[in-house]
Amino acid sequence: MVRGAYTLARVAVTVRAAACWLWWLGVIAAAPGTAVTFSPTGRRIGVMAGAALFIVAAVTAFAVRAGRYEERAKAASRAAKTVYLQDRRVTARGWLRRRRWWLGAAFVVAAASSLLLPCAGGMLIAGLGAGLWAKSLRVARIERGHEALLWVRLDGNQAAYQLTGIAAGDAGPGGGRRR
């Protein structure tokens, strides 16, 4: 058992933050591709390739490490009374700060790829976001099944989940705003 206070962040909130940012960056990067008329492949081929990439990326993002959350939820321990539960907005902001350069680079590459294959790069990124959104729904189902919320320690082992009651924190199961 660890002594002292430490901070926990919601697992579902981090997945949902990634989904939201990837989805909107992909949509914004794909939008200029609909106006590109001078591409060597053509707009129709670019959009159809982007749709195929969207589906493949969504399925891949959803299926990669599919059983990880269930396994870690079964092995999770109860959180101590001295922990600090991080706010949903603080968790999402921290996730974004750690990855902002990667997101910016992915956006620039996706937007620039519209010159060669219109919309495809943006639709690929949006597909990753959609797959992660579905993964956050899977985490919500796991949390409801266990009747506990999954938390991860920020400064410790990221694989060791901790559980709190369903009413803890400001986010409901799946990482969305509590109503």
Protein backbone atom coordinates (compact mmCIF):
# COMPACT_ATOMS: atom_id res chain seq x y z
CA MET A 1 0.00 0.00 0.00
CA VAL A 2 1.28 3.45 -0.86
CA ARG A 3 1.33 6.07 1.85
CA GLY A 4 0.46 9.70 1.29
CA ALA A 5 -1.74 11.50 -1.16
CA TYR A 6 -1.45 11.14 -4.90
CA THR A 7 -3.53 12.09 -7.94
CA LEU A 8 -5.71 9.84 -10.06
CA ALA A 9 -7.02 10.56 -13.56
CA ARG A 10 -9.97 8.86 -15.22
CA VAL A 11 -9.10 6.28 -17.86
CA ALA A 12 -12.22 6.98 -19.90
CA VAL A 13 -11.56 10.72 -19.94
CA THR A 14 -8.14 10.26 -21.52
CA VAL A 15 -9.56 7.97 -24.20
CA ARG A 16 -12.41 10.37 -24.85
CA ALA A 17 -10.08 13.40 -25.03
CA ALA A 18 -7.99 11.64 -27.65
CA ALA A 19 -11.12 10.72 -29.60
CA CYS A 20 -12.45 14.27 -29.57
CA TRP A 21 -9.23 15.91 -30.71
CA LEU A 22 -8.48 13.35 -33.42
CA TRP A 23 -12.04 13.50 -34.75
CA TRP A 24 -12.19 17.28 -35.09
CA LEU A 25 -8.66 17.65 -36.45
CA GLY A 26 -9.47 14.99 -39.04
CA VAL A 27 -12.71 16.68 -40.07
CA ILE A 28 -11.00 20.06 -40.36
CA ALA A 29 -8.07 18.56 -42.31
CA ALA A 30 -10.41 16.74 -44.69
CA ALA A 31 -12.64 19.74 -45.43
CA PRO A 32 -10.21 21.60 -47.74
CA GLY A 33 -9.80 18.41 -49.74
CA THR A 34 -13.33 18.75 -51.05
CA ALA A 35 -12.31 21.98 -52.80
CA VAL A 36 -9.13 20.60 -54.40
CA THR A 37 -9.62 20.26 -58.16
CA PHE A 38 -6.00 19.98 -59.34
CA SER A 39 -5.09 16.67 -57.68
CA PRO A 40 -3.46 13.98 -59.86
CA THR A 41 -5.85 11.34 -58.50
CA GLY A 42 -9.06 13.35 -58.53
CA ARG A 43 -11.51 14.23 -55.82
CA ARG A 44 -13.73 11.14 -56.14
CA ILE A 45 -10.84 8.71 -55.79
CA GLY A 46 -9.47 10.68 -52.84
CA VAL A 47 -12.79 10.67 -51.02
CA MET A 48 -13.34 6.95 -51.67
CA ALA A 49 -9.82 6.13 -50.48
CA GLY A 50 -10.43 8.35 -47.45
CA ALA A 51 -13.67 6.48 -46.67
CA ALA A 52 -11.82 3.17 -46.82
CA LEU A 53 -9.04 4.56 -44.59
CA PHE A 54 -11.69 5.90 -42.18
CA ILE A 55 -13.24 2.46 -41.76
CA VAL A 56 -9.90 0.67 -41.43
CA ALA A 57 -8.61 3.23 -38.92
CA ALA A 58 -11.81 3.14 -36.84
CA VAL A 59 -11.82 -0.65 -36.64
CA THR A 60 -8.10 -0.76 -35.88
CA ALA A 61 -8.31 1.87 -33.14
CA PHE A 62 -11.24 0.04 -31.59
CA ALA A 63 -9.66 -3.43 -31.80
CA VAL A 64 -6.06 -2.68 -30.77
CA ARG A 65 -5.54 -3.92 -27.23
CA ALA A 66 -9.22 -4.75 -27.04
CA GLY A 67 -9.14 -6.74 -23.81
CA ARG A 68 -6.71 -4.49 -21.98
CA TYR A 69 -9.34 -2.45 -20.14
CA GLU A 70 -11.31 -5.50 -19.01
CA GLU A 71 -8.19 -7.29 -17.74
CA ARG A 72 -6.95 -4.23 -15.89
CA ALA A 73 -10.40 -3.57 -14.43
CA LYS A 74 -10.50 -7.10 -13.00
CA ALA A 75 -7.05 -6.65 -11.45
CA ALA A 76 -7.78 -3.14 -10.14
CA SER A 77 -7.63 -2.28 -6.47
CA ARG A 78 -9.72 0.14 -4.49
CA ALA A 79 -8.39 3.68 -4.34
CA ALA A 80 -7.23 4.96 -0.98
CA LYS A 81 -9.14 7.64 0.88
CA THR A 82 -6.23 10.06 0.59
CA VAL A 83 -6.17 10.28 -3.22
CA TYR A 84 -7.02 13.38 -5.20
CA LEU A 85 -9.40 12.78 -8.09
CA GLN A 86 -8.42 14.92 -11.03
CA ASP A 87 -11.13 16.99 -12.70
CA ARG A 88 -12.29 15.93 -16.16
CA ARG A 89 -11.15 19.18 -17.76
CA VAL A 90 -7.75 19.06 -16.10
CA THR A 91 -7.22 15.50 -17.33
CA ALA A 92 -8.18 16.41 -20.90
CA ARG A 93 -6.01 19.54 -20.84
CA GLY A 94 -3.03 17.55 -19.56
CA TRP A 95 -3.50 14.95 -22.28
CA LEU A 96 -3.56 17.69 -24.90
CA ARG A 97 -0.47 19.46 -23.55
CA ARG A 98 1.58 16.27 -23.66
CA ARG A 99 0.60 15.56 -27.29
CA ARG A 100 0.00 18.94 -28.91
CA TRP A 101 3.06 18.75 -31.18
CA TRP A 102 2.09 15.32 -32.46
CA LEU A 103 -1.46 16.48 -33.12
CA GLY A 104 -0.21 19.58 -34.92
CA ALA A 105 2.16 17.56 -37.08
CA ALA A 106 -0.56 15.03 -37.92
CA PHE A 107 -2.91 17.86 -38.87
CA VAL A 108 -0.35 19.51 -41.16
CA VAL A 109 0.49 16.21 -42.86
CA ALA A 110 -3.20 15.34 -43.30
CA ALA A 111 -4.04 18.76 -44.72
CA ALA A 112 -1.03 18.68 -47.06
CA SER A 113 -1.94 15.20 -48.27
CA SER A 114 -5.06 16.69 -49.83
CA LEU A 115 -2.86 17.92 -52.67
CA LEU A 116 -2.15 14.32 -53.68
CA LEU A 117 -5.18 12.41 -52.40
CA PRO A 118 -8.00 14.82 -51.40
CA CYS A 119 -9.64 14.20 -48.00
CA ALA A 120 -7.84 10.89 -47.35
CA GLY A 121 -5.43 12.04 -44.63
CA GLY A 122 -8.10 13.91 -42.72
CA MET A 123 -10.52 11.00 -42.95
CA LEU A 124 -7.80 8.68 -41.64
CA ILE A 125 -7.32 10.86 -38.55
CA ALA A 126 -11.09 11.20 -38.10
CA GLY A 127 -11.37 7.40 -38.29
CA LEU A 128 -8.88 7.05 -35.46
CA GLY A 129 -11.00 9.46 -33.44
CA ALA A 130 -14.19 7.50 -34.18
CA GLY A 131 -12.53 4.23 -33.15
CA LEU A 132 -11.34 5.75 -29.89
CA TRP A 133 -14.84 7.13 -29.27
CA ALA A 134 -16.20 3.59 -29.61
CA LYS A 135 -13.45 2.42 -27.26
CA SER A 136 -14.59 4.98 -24.67
CA LEU A 137 -18.07 3.47 -24.94
CA ARG A 138 -16.50 0.08 -24.24
CA VAL A 139 -14.84 1.50 -21.13
CA ALA A 140 -18.24 2.90 -20.07
CA ARG A 141 -19.78 -0.57 -20.40
CA ILE A 142 -16.98 -2.04 -18.29
CA GLU A 143 -17.43 0.65 -15.64
CA ARG A 144 -21.17 0.07 -15.48
CA GLY A 145 -20.63 -3.69 -15.30
CA HIS A 146 -18.24 -3.36 -12.38
CA GLU A 147 -20.27 -0.53 -10.84
CA ALA A 148 -17.02 1.36 -10.32
CA LEU A 149 -15.04 4.00 -12.16
CA LEU A 150 -11.55 3.23 -13.49
CA TRP A 151 -8.74 5.56 -12.51
CA VAL A 152 -5.02 5.55 -13.23
CA ARG A 153 -2.25 7.02 -11.14
CA LEU A 154 -0.45 9.82 -12.96
CA ASP A 155 2.95 9.45 -11.34
CA GLY A 156 2.98 5.68 -10.92
CA ASN A 157 2.34 2.54 -12.89
CA GLN A 158 -0.03 3.39 -15.75
CA ALA A 159 -1.11 -0.25 -16.01
CA ALA A 160 -2.33 -0.47 -12.41
CA TYR A 161 -5.91 0.76 -12.38
CA GLN A 162 -7.74 1.81 -9.25
CA LEU A 163 -11.45 1.80 -8.58
CA THR A 164 -13.78 4.26 -6.94
CA GLY A 165 -17.52 4.31 -6.52
CA ILE A 166 -19.71 5.16 -9.48
CA ALA A 167 -20.52 8.62 -8.06
CA ALA A 168 -16.90 9.77 -7.61
CA GLY A 169 -15.53 12.63 -9.67
CA ASP A 170 -17.23 14.95 -12.10
CA ALA A 171 -17.44 12.57 -15.08
CA GLY A 172 -19.89 9.74 -15.53
CA PRO A 173 -19.12 6.28 -16.93
CA GLY A 174 -17.37 6.62 -20.26
CA GLY A 175 -15.80 9.98 -19.41
CA GLY A 176 -18.68 12.26 -20.37
CA ARG A 177 -20.05 15.09 -18.30
CA ARG A 178 -22.11 14.01 -15.35
CA ARG A 179 -25.68 15.21 -15.64
